Every structure is written in C-alpha cells, then in structure tokens.
C-alpha cells in the first residue's frame, strides 16, 4: 500500500471522527435547547394552572411571556394549517385568546372559593363557639378547610402570623378574590369587630344561605340545560350540514370561496352564528 493510500485512509478516518463529534455535540446542544424549551413551556403552563388553583395572578414578566407565547403558537398553527397570512391574522388574535384563558381561570378560582364559602363560615363559627377570638378563629379554621377556600384562609393566616392587622388581611383577601360570598363573610367579621354581636350565629346563618343558593343554582341549571343544549345544536347545525356536503361532494366548501358573493354570504352567516352562540350563552348564564 502506498503512502498516498495510507494518508487517504487516515484522512477519511479523521473526517469520520470529526463528523461524529459534530453530530454528538449537535445532539447534546439540541437536547439542551429542547430541555430549556420544555422547561419554559411547563413554566408558562404552571402559571395558568396556579391562577386557577391558587388564585395567584401572573406578574408583568410572566404575563408578557404568556402573550408572546400565545401569539407565536397561533401563528405557527395558522401557518401550518392555512398558510402564512392566516397565521399572521391568528397571531394578532393570540394575545386576546391568552387573556380570555387567564380570565376564565380567574373566574374558575372565584367559583371554587364561592363553593367553599359555606365551609369557611361553619369552620369559623365552630372556632368562635369554642372560645377563640376572631383572629384565633381564622387561624384555627385555616387548618380544617380544604380546597380554594382553605388556601385563601391559609394565606390570610400566614399574613397574620407575619404581623398584618386583621382588618387589613381581610380586606386584602376580599379584594384579591372578588367573591360575593366571601365579601359577606368579611363584612360580617368586620362589623362584629366594630359593633359586637353574635358572630358565630351570623356565620352559621350565612352558611345556610349559601347552601340554599347552591341548591337553587343547581335547580336553575337543570331546568335550563335542555334549552341551552337545543340552542347549541341549532348553532352547530349549519356547520354539520357543510361537513356532510363536503363529504358528499368534495370541493363544495372550497367552491363557496370562489365567488365574492358566496364568500360574503358565508362570512355573514358565520358571523351571525357566532353572535347567536354568544347570545345563547349569555341568556343561559345563571347570575345572582
């Protein structure tokens, strides 16, 4: 074997070795980037979950990251499914969708606190009946109430242990949750501190009223469930008809966009369907 052949063999081996090193280094870097991206996504998801389970609103930086992630995700989804221009339109609506998700999670937490308000009132009434002061009753009730209501009580108990005034801690909780039932409990406690009275009896009456309201809300939802479902079916019927027409004659939906008149009529119909869905949802909403 000549020296040229040996040099060629050595050069090939070194090239293969260098290529393997590049692939390994690139794989490590890709894994690191993927791990960082996964951590970032999980962090953003945790912010949304924490808002619904603990009522912790995202900070300014977290909110900006959520809005940017919503815009990027909407653009990627729109670009993959329909092209870059629909993707850009969806990207513009992405932050609005994120804001709606945050508002829904906040409303979910408020309803969870509302459902636990009766347990809060009963636990505080029992602690007051056992001889505790209002501050001690709050600390005692925090250990026995579970769910979102118990989380709020434990948060207030932590503030009291850190030296906060009772009135200030109650006001902070009321402003943070914005629950009508919690407002009632806080108002009863603050009035009792200033004017006196049988707070334990008042809290038990509040708990009974909350239970009656829950039963009435369940009856109203049961009575209107069929009407709301019928309205939803009526709204979705045109979409189902279009899907069946597309299955029977492929290209039917695409042909609707071939003419300005038909495209305008379809757009108008879709807008009216959306308005009808929103109106039905608002009419079926139970409010007190």
Protein backbone atom coordinates (compact mmCIF):
# COMPACT_ATOMS: atom_id res chain seq x y z
CA UNK A 1 0.00 0.00 0.00
CA UNK A 2 1.40 3.39 -0.99
CA UNK A 3 1.85 6.36 1.29
CA UNK A 4 -0.89 8.22 -0.62
CA UNK A 5 -3.36 5.45 0.14
CA UNK A 6 -2.38 5.45 3.83
CA UNK A 7 -2.78 9.22 4.02
CA UNK A 8 -6.17 8.95 2.30
CA UNK A 9 -7.27 6.26 4.76
CA UNK A 10 -6.09 8.36 7.72
CA UNK A 11 -7.81 11.46 6.36
CA UNK A 12 -11.08 9.57 5.87
CA UNK A 13 -10.92 8.19 9.41
CA UNK A 14 -10.24 11.63 10.85
CA UNK A 15 -13.08 13.12 8.80
CA UNK A 16 -15.49 10.45 10.04
CA UNK A 17 -14.33 11.03 13.61
CA UNK A 18 -14.82 14.80 13.26
CA UNK A 19 -18.26 14.30 11.74
CA UNK A 20 -19.23 12.01 14.62
CA UNK A 21 -18.03 14.62 17.12
CA UNK A 22 -20.13 17.28 15.38
CA UNK A 23 -23.20 15.05 15.42
CA UNK A 24 -22.72 14.24 19.11
CA UNK A 25 -22.15 17.89 20.00
CA UNK A 26 -25.15 18.92 17.96
CA UNK A 27 -27.29 16.28 19.64
CA UNK A 28 -26.23 17.47 23.08
CA UNK A 29 -26.96 21.08 22.15
CA UNK A 30 -30.32 20.08 20.68
CA UNK A 31 -31.19 18.18 23.83
CA UNK A 32 -30.22 21.18 25.97
CA UNK A 33 -32.31 23.50 23.82
CA UNK A 34 -35.21 21.07 23.91
CA UNK A 35 -34.94 20.76 27.67
CA UNK A 36 -34.87 24.54 28.04
CA UNK A 37 -37.89 24.92 25.77
CA UNK A 38 -39.76 22.23 27.69
CA UNK A 39 -38.97 23.98 30.98
CA UNK A 40 -40.14 27.31 29.59
CA UNK A 41 -43.41 25.82 28.31
CA UNK A 42 -44.02 23.97 31.58
CA UNK A 43 -43.33 27.20 33.50
CA UNK A 44 -45.93 29.08 31.47
CA UNK A 45 -48.43 26.25 31.90
CA UNK A 46 -47.77 26.27 35.64
CA UNK A 47 -48.61 29.99 35.77
CA UNK A 48 -52.00 29.30 34.18
CA UNK A 49 -52.68 26.30 36.42
CA UNK A 50 -51.64 28.20 39.55
CA UNK A 51 -54.02 31.03 38.68
CA UNK A 52 -56.94 28.61 38.65
CA UNK A 53 -55.90 26.56 41.69
CA UNK A 54 -54.32 29.16 43.98
CA UNK A 55 -55.54 32.50 42.61
CA UNK A 56 -52.01 33.79 42.05
CA UNK A 57 -52.15 36.28 39.21
CA UNK A 58 -49.15 36.24 36.84
CA UNK A 59 -46.63 39.03 37.18
CA UNK A 60 -45.79 41.52 34.48
CA UNK A 61 -42.95 39.44 33.01
CA UNK A 62 -44.96 36.21 33.15
CA UNK A 63 -47.94 37.89 31.50
CA UNK A 64 -45.75 39.23 28.68
CA UNK A 65 -44.29 35.78 28.12
CA UNK A 66 -47.76 34.27 28.00
CA UNK A 67 -48.95 36.83 25.46
CA UNK A 68 -45.87 36.28 23.28
CA UNK A 69 -46.26 32.50 23.53
CA UNK A 70 -49.92 32.80 22.55
CA UNK A 71 -49.07 34.91 19.51
CA UNK A 72 -46.27 32.57 18.39
CA UNK A 73 -48.37 29.46 18.92
CA UNK A 74 -51.32 30.93 17.00
CA UNK A 75 -49.02 31.96 14.13
CA UNK A 76 -47.44 28.51 13.89
CA UNK A 77 -50.81 26.76 13.98
CA UNK A 78 -52.30 29.09 11.38
CA UNK A 79 -49.24 28.90 9.13
CA UNK A 80 -49.22 25.10 9.22
CA UNK A 81 -52.96 24.70 8.65
CA UNK A 82 -53.78 27.56 6.27
CA UNK A 83 -50.64 29.50 5.31
CA UNK A 84 -48.61 32.50 6.47
CA UNK A 85 -51.30 35.17 6.03
CA UNK A 86 -53.98 33.38 8.09
CA UNK A 87 -51.19 32.60 10.56
CA UNK A 88 -50.43 36.31 10.89
CA UNK A 89 -54.12 37.03 11.48
CA UNK A 90 -54.28 34.35 14.15
CA UNK A 91 -51.08 35.68 15.72
CA UNK A 92 -52.78 39.05 16.15
CA UNK A 93 -55.65 37.32 17.96
CA UNK A 94 -53.35 35.10 20.03
CA UNK A 95 -52.83 37.55 22.94
CA UNK A 96 -56.60 38.09 23.12
CA UNK A 97 -57.06 34.32 23.45
CA UNK A 98 -54.45 34.17 26.22
CA UNK A 99 -56.21 37.00 28.06
CA UNK A 100 -59.50 35.11 27.80
CA UNK A 101 -57.88 31.96 29.17
CA UNK A 102 -56.46 33.88 32.15
CA UNK A 103 -59.86 35.48 32.80
CA UNK A 104 -61.52 32.05 32.66
CA UNK A 105 -59.00 30.61 35.12
CA UNK A 106 -59.52 33.56 37.45
CA UNK A 107 -63.29 33.04 37.26
CA UNK A 108 -62.78 29.33 37.95
CA UNK A 109 -60.88 30.16 41.13
CA UNK A 110 -63.54 32.63 42.23
CA UNK A 111 -66.24 30.00 41.80
CA UNK A 112 -64.15 27.49 43.73
CA UNK A 113 -63.89 29.93 46.62
CA UNK A 114 -67.63 30.54 46.39
CA UNK A 115 -68.28 26.81 46.70
CA UNK A 116 -66.08 26.67 49.80
CA UNK A 117 -67.57 29.77 51.45
CA UNK A 118 -70.09 27.75 53.46
CA UNK A 119 -67.30 25.56 54.85
CA UNK A 120 -65.31 28.69 55.75
CA UNK A 121 -68.27 30.18 57.61
CA UNK A 122 -69.00 26.96 59.51
CA UNK A 123 -65.34 26.42 60.47
CA UNK A 124 -65.00 29.98 61.76
CA UNK A 125 -68.32 29.71 63.63
CA UNK A 126 -67.18 26.50 65.31
CA UNK A 127 -63.88 28.09 66.33
CA UNK A 128 -65.66 31.15 67.70
CA UNK A 129 -68.07 28.89 69.61
CA UNK A 130 -65.06 27.12 71.14
CA UNK A 131 -63.91 30.41 72.68
CA UNK A 132 -61.39 31.69 70.12
CA UNK A 133 -61.14 35.33 69.18
CA UNK A 134 -61.74 36.35 65.58
CA UNK A 135 -58.03 36.22 64.82
CA UNK A 136 -57.66 32.84 66.54
CA UNK A 137 -60.80 31.51 64.83
CA UNK A 138 -59.33 32.43 61.45
CA UNK A 139 -56.07 30.65 62.28
CA UNK A 140 -57.97 27.60 63.54
CA UNK A 141 -60.30 27.45 60.51
CA UNK A 142 -57.33 27.60 58.14
CA UNK A 143 -56.25 24.12 59.24
CA UNK A 144 -59.65 22.47 58.73
CA UNK A 145 -60.92 23.85 55.41
CA UNK A 146 -59.72 22.31 52.15
CA UNK A 147 -59.83 23.45 48.55
CA UNK A 148 -59.62 27.02 47.28
CA UNK A 149 -61.34 28.40 50.38
CA UNK A 150 -58.83 26.71 52.65
CA UNK A 151 -55.97 28.03 50.52
CA UNK A 152 -57.24 31.58 50.99
CA UNK A 153 -57.59 31.09 54.73
CA UNK A 154 -54.06 29.73 54.98
CA UNK A 155 -52.79 32.67 53.01
CA UNK A 156 -54.53 35.08 55.38
CA UNK A 157 -53.21 33.08 58.35
CA UNK A 158 -49.68 33.45 57.00
CA UNK A 159 -50.18 37.20 56.68
CA UNK A 160 -51.47 37.39 60.26
CA UNK A 161 -48.51 35.36 61.51
CA UNK A 162 -46.21 37.81 59.71
CA UNK A 163 -47.73 40.68 61.70
CA UNK A 164 -50.50 42.00 59.46
CA UNK A 165 -53.57 43.61 61.02
CA UNK A 166 -56.76 41.51 60.94
CA UNK A 167 -58.76 44.17 59.12
CA UNK A 168 -56.05 44.62 56.50
CA UNK A 169 -55.73 40.86 55.94
CA UNK A 170 -59.49 40.54 55.48
CA UNK A 171 -59.59 43.46 53.05
CA UNK A 172 -56.69 42.02 51.06
CA UNK A 173 -58.47 38.68 50.76
CA UNK A 174 -61.73 40.32 49.72
CA UNK A 175 -60.05 42.46 47.05
CA UNK A 176 -57.97 39.53 45.80
CA UNK A 177 -60.79 37.01 45.34
CA UNK A 178 -63.75 39.28 44.49
CA UNK A 179 -66.26 36.73 45.68
CA UNK A 180 -69.69 37.94 46.79
CA UNK A 181 -69.96 35.20 49.42
CA UNK A 182 -66.52 35.94 50.79
CA UNK A 183 -67.47 39.62 50.84
CA UNK A 184 -70.42 38.69 53.04
CA UNK A 185 -68.21 36.77 55.49
CA UNK A 186 -65.64 39.58 55.63
CA UNK A 187 -68.33 42.21 56.15
CA UNK A 188 -69.86 40.20 59.00
CA UNK A 189 -66.47 39.80 60.69
CA UNK A 190 -65.56 43.48 60.36
CA UNK A 191 -68.96 44.66 61.60
CA UNK A 192 -68.70 42.35 64.61
CA UNK A 193 -65.25 43.73 65.46
CA UNK A 194 -66.59 47.27 65.48
CA UNK A 195 -70.15 46.85 66.80
CA UNK A 196 -70.14 43.46 68.54
CA UNK A 197 -72.81 40.77 68.29
CA UNK A 198 -73.13 37.02 67.93
CA UNK A 199 -70.78 36.44 65.00
CA UNK A 200 -70.90 32.62 65.27
CA UNK A 201 -74.68 32.60 64.81
CA UNK A 202 -74.45 35.05 61.91
CA UNK A 203 -71.81 32.93 60.16
CA UNK A 204 -73.94 29.80 60.52
CA UNK A 205 -76.90 31.66 59.01
CA UNK A 206 -74.64 32.75 56.15
CA UNK A 207 -73.54 29.14 55.60
CA UNK A 208 -77.19 28.05 55.46
CA UNK A 209 -77.98 30.80 52.95
CA UNK A 210 -75.01 29.77 50.82
CA UNK A 211 -76.24 26.17 50.81
CA UNK A 212 -79.75 27.26 49.79
CA UNK A 213 -78.25 29.34 46.97
CA UNK A 214 -76.22 26.38 45.73
CA UNK A 215 -79.32 24.17 45.61
CA UNK A 216 -81.29 26.87 43.80
CA UNK A 217 -78.50 27.35 41.25
CA UNK A 218 -78.42 23.61 40.59
CA UNK A 219 -82.19 23.59 40.04
CA UNK A 220 -81.96 26.53 37.63
CA UNK A 221 -79.17 24.88 35.65
CA UNK A 222 -81.11 21.63 35.47
CA UNK A 223 -84.25 23.45 34.30
CA UNK A 224 -82.39 25.32 31.54
CA UNK A 225 -79.99 22.55 30.47
CA UNK A 226 -82.27 21.22 27.71
CA UNK A 227 -82.92 24.69 26.27
CA UNK A 228 -79.22 25.56 26.26
CA UNK A 229 -78.33 22.26 24.59
CA UNK A 230 -81.02 22.81 21.95
CA UNK A 231 -79.64 26.28 21.21
CA UNK A 232 -76.13 24.85 20.85
CA UNK A 233 -77.37 22.17 18.45
CA UNK A 234 -79.18 24.77 16.33
CA UNK A 235 -76.00 26.86 16.14
CA UNK A 236 -73.90 23.86 15.06
CA UNK A 237 -76.39 22.50 12.51
CA UNK A 238 -75.09 24.62 9.58
CA UNK A 239 -71.52 23.51 10.25
CA UNK A 240 -72.65 19.90 10.30
CA UNK A 241 -74.53 20.41 7.05
CA UNK A 242 -71.45 21.91 5.40
CA UNK A 243 -69.36 18.96 6.59
CA UNK A 244 -71.84 16.45 5.16
CA UNK A 245 -71.95 18.37 1.87
CA UNK A 246 -68.16 18.32 1.69
CA UNK A 247 -68.14 14.57 2.30
CA UNK A 248 -70.78 14.00 -0.38
CA UNK A 249 -69.18 16.36 -2.92
CA UNK A 250 -65.50 17.07 -2.20
CA UNK A 251 -64.64 20.66 -3.03
CA UNK A 252 -68.05 22.06 -2.05
CA UNK A 253 -66.67 24.23 0.76
CA UNK A 254 -63.77 25.41 -1.40
CA UNK A 255 -66.20 26.35 -4.16
CA UNK A 256 -68.05 28.68 -1.81
CA UNK A 257 -64.96 30.90 -1.69
CA UNK A 258 -64.60 31.07 -5.46
CA UNK A 259 -67.14 33.89 -5.80
CA UNK A 260 -67.22 37.17 -3.91
CA UNK A 261 -70.98 36.95 -3.36
CA UNK A 262 -70.95 33.43 -1.92
CA UNK A 263 -67.87 34.19 0.18
CA UNK A 264 -69.56 37.31 1.55
CA UNK A 265 -72.73 35.36 2.38
CA UNK A 266 -70.76 32.59 4.09
CA UNK A 267 -68.81 35.14 6.13
CA UNK A 268 -72.03 36.87 7.14
CA UNK A 269 -73.60 33.55 8.13
CA UNK A 270 -70.57 32.59 10.23
CA UNK A 271 -70.64 35.96 11.99
CA UNK A 272 -74.35 35.55 12.76
CA UNK A 273 -73.74 32.03 14.08
CA UNK A 274 -71.04 33.33 16.41
CA UNK A 275 -73.33 36.11 17.64
CA UNK A 276 -76.12 33.59 18.20
CA UNK A 277 -73.79 31.35 20.21
CA UNK A 278 -72.68 34.27 22.40
CA UNK A 279 -76.29 35.39 22.97
CA UNK A 280 -77.41 31.87 23.90
CA UNK A 281 -74.52 31.57 26.32
CA UNK A 282 -75.34 34.89 27.96
CA UNK A 283 -79.06 34.11 28.19
CA UNK A 284 -78.32 30.73 29.79
CA UNK A 285 -75.86 32.11 32.35
CA UNK A 286 -77.03 31.98 35.96
CA UNK A 287 -76.34 35.21 37.84
CA UNK A 288 -77.23 36.41 41.33
